[in-house]
Amino acid sequence: MPDVKIMRVSIAADRCQGHNRCCLVAPELFEADDEGNAKARGDGIVAAGLEQKARLAVANCPEHAVRLTGA
């Protein structure tokens, strides 16, 4: 059985400035919190088929706050 890597997204809260580009490119993975900053939806696990959107969110964050692990 092949190793299955679980991809997970997260936001470095100390870096996020509320541009919310991640929410625009991957609304399935991110949402705004009560203060307008981005946060990962649920537990941050990237569902199959959303890997490219997760990478796009990382690439589009001007503050480099979006993190992707397990990629």
C-alpha atoms as a PDB file:
ATOM      1  CA  MET A   1       0.000   0.000   0.000  1.00  0.00           C
ATOM      2  CA  PRO A   2       1.525   3.388  -0.983  1.00  0.00           C
ATOM      3  CA  ASP A   3       2.210   6.067   1.596  1.00  0.00           C
ATOM      4  CA  VAL A   4      -0.574   8.626   1.563  1.00  0.00           C
ATOM      5  CA  LYS A   5       0.609  12.100   2.439  1.00  0.00           C
ATOM      6  CA  ILE A   6      -1.952  14.285   4.099  1.00  0.00           C
ATOM      7  CA  MET A   7      -1.699  17.891   3.011  1.00  0.00           C
ATOM      8  CA  ARG A   8      -2.742  20.502   5.513  1.00  0.00           C
ATOM      9  CA  VAL A   9      -3.046  24.280   5.234  1.00  0.00           C
ATOM     10  CA  SER A  10      -2.664  26.761   8.044  1.00  0.00           C
ATOM     11  CA  ILE A  11      -2.313  30.503   8.521  1.00  0.00           C
ATOM     12  CA  ALA A  12       0.472  32.158  10.502  1.00  0.00           C
ATOM     13  CA  ALA A  13      -1.784  34.534  12.440  1.00  0.00           C
ATOM     14  CA  ASP A  14       1.095  36.854  13.307  1.00  0.00           C
ATOM     15  CA  ARG A  15       1.747  37.419   9.579  1.00  0.00           C
ATOM     16  CA  CYS A  16      -1.798  37.627   8.184  1.00  0.00           C
ATOM     17  CA  GLN A  17      -2.860  41.182   7.338  1.00  0.00           C
ATOM     18  CA  GLY A  18      -6.371  40.330   6.141  1.00  0.00           C
ATOM     19  CA  HIS A  19      -5.836  40.554   2.382  1.00  0.00           C
ATOM     20  CA  ASN A  20      -7.833  37.297   2.171  1.00  0.00           C
ATOM     21  CA  ARG A  21      -6.465  36.325  -1.237  1.00  0.00           C
ATOM     22  CA  CYS A  22      -6.413  32.737   0.020  1.00  0.00           C
ATOM     23  CA  CYS A  23     -10.159  32.964   0.636  1.00  0.00           C
ATOM     24  CA  LEU A  24     -10.667  34.182  -2.916  1.00  0.00           C
ATOM     25  CA  VAL A  25      -8.607  31.492  -4.654  1.00  0.00           C
ATOM     26  CA  ALA A  26      -9.540  28.605  -2.340  1.00  0.00           C
ATOM     27  CA  PRO A  27     -12.805  29.297  -0.506  1.00  0.00           C
ATOM     28  CA  GLU A  28     -13.110  25.557   0.129  1.00  0.00           C
ATOM     29  CA  LEU A  29      -9.982  25.750   2.305  1.00  0.00           C
ATOM     30  CA  PHE A  30     -10.050  29.226   3.899  1.00  0.00           C
ATOM     31  CA  GLU A  31     -12.468  31.661   5.493  1.00  0.00           C
ATOM     32  CA  ALA A  32     -12.264  35.004   7.289  1.00  0.00           C
ATOM     33  CA  ASP A  33     -12.424  35.135  11.063  1.00  0.00           C
ATOM     34  CA  ASP A  34     -14.375  37.709  13.100  1.00  0.00           C
ATOM     35  CA  GLU A  35     -11.520  40.222  12.743  1.00  0.00           C
ATOM     36  CA  GLY A  36     -11.283  39.831   8.969  1.00  0.00           C
ATOM     37  CA  ASN A  37      -8.111  37.752   8.946  1.00  0.00           C
ATOM     38  CA  ALA A  38      -7.929  34.441   7.161  1.00  0.00           C
ATOM     39  CA  LYS A  39      -8.095  31.061   8.854  1.00  0.00           C
ATOM     40  CA  ALA A  40      -8.137  27.505   7.594  1.00  0.00           C
ATOM     41  CA  ARG A  41     -11.530  25.871   7.403  1.00  0.00           C
ATOM     42  CA  GLY A  42     -12.022  22.961   9.777  1.00  0.00           C
ATOM     43  CA  ASP A  43      -8.841  21.072  10.578  1.00  0.00           C
ATOM     44  CA  GLY A  44      -6.994  22.399   7.514  1.00  0.00           C
ATOM     45  CA  ILE A  45      -6.773  19.054   5.736  1.00  0.00           C
ATOM     46  CA  VAL A  46      -6.706  19.531   1.966  1.00  0.00           C
ATOM     47  CA  ALA A  47      -9.268  17.250   0.340  1.00  0.00           C
ATOM     48  CA  ALA A  48      -8.347  15.311  -2.780  1.00  0.00           C
ATOM     49  CA  GLY A  49      -8.620  17.538  -5.825  1.00  0.00           C
ATOM     50  CA  LEU A  50      -7.881  20.754  -3.929  1.00  0.00           C
ATOM     51  CA  GLU A  51      -4.098  20.433  -3.833  1.00  0.00           C
ATOM     52  CA  GLN A  52      -3.558  22.914  -6.676  1.00  0.00           C
ATOM     53  CA  LYS A  53      -5.824  25.484  -5.016  1.00  0.00           C
ATOM     54  CA  ALA A  54      -3.841  25.100  -1.786  1.00  0.00           C
ATOM     55  CA  ARG A  55      -0.592  25.767  -3.656  1.00  0.00           C
ATOM     56  CA  LEU A  56      -2.179  28.755  -5.402  1.00  0.00           C
ATOM     57  CA  ALA A  57      -3.214  30.201  -2.039  1.00  0.00           C
ATOM     58  CA  VAL A  58       0.374  29.895  -0.778  1.00  0.00           C
ATOM     59  CA  ALA A  59       1.701  31.595  -3.904  1.00  0.00           C
ATOM     60  CA  ASN A  60      -0.822  34.454  -3.700  1.00  0.00           C
ATOM     61  CA  CYS A  61      -0.315  35.474  -0.071  1.00  0.00           C
ATOM     62  CA  PRO A  62       1.616  38.764  -0.029  1.00  0.00           C
ATOM     63  CA  GLU A  63       2.516  38.282   3.636  1.00  0.00           C
ATOM     64  CA  HIS A  64       3.631  34.629   3.235  1.00  0.00           C
ATOM     65  CA  ALA A  65       1.184  33.704   5.973  1.00  0.00           C
ATOM     66  CA  VAL A  66      -0.332  30.676   4.236  1.00  0.00           C
ATOM     67  CA  ARG A  67       1.469  27.443   5.095  1.00  0.00           C
ATOM     68  CA  LEU A  68       1.188  24.071   3.420  1.00  0.00           C
ATOM     69  CA  THR A  69       2.554  20.952   5.058  1.00  0.00           C
ATOM     70  CA  GLY A  70       2.747  17.399   3.813  1.00  0.00           C
ATOM     71  CA  ALA A  71       3.100  18.484   0.183  1.00  0.00           C
END
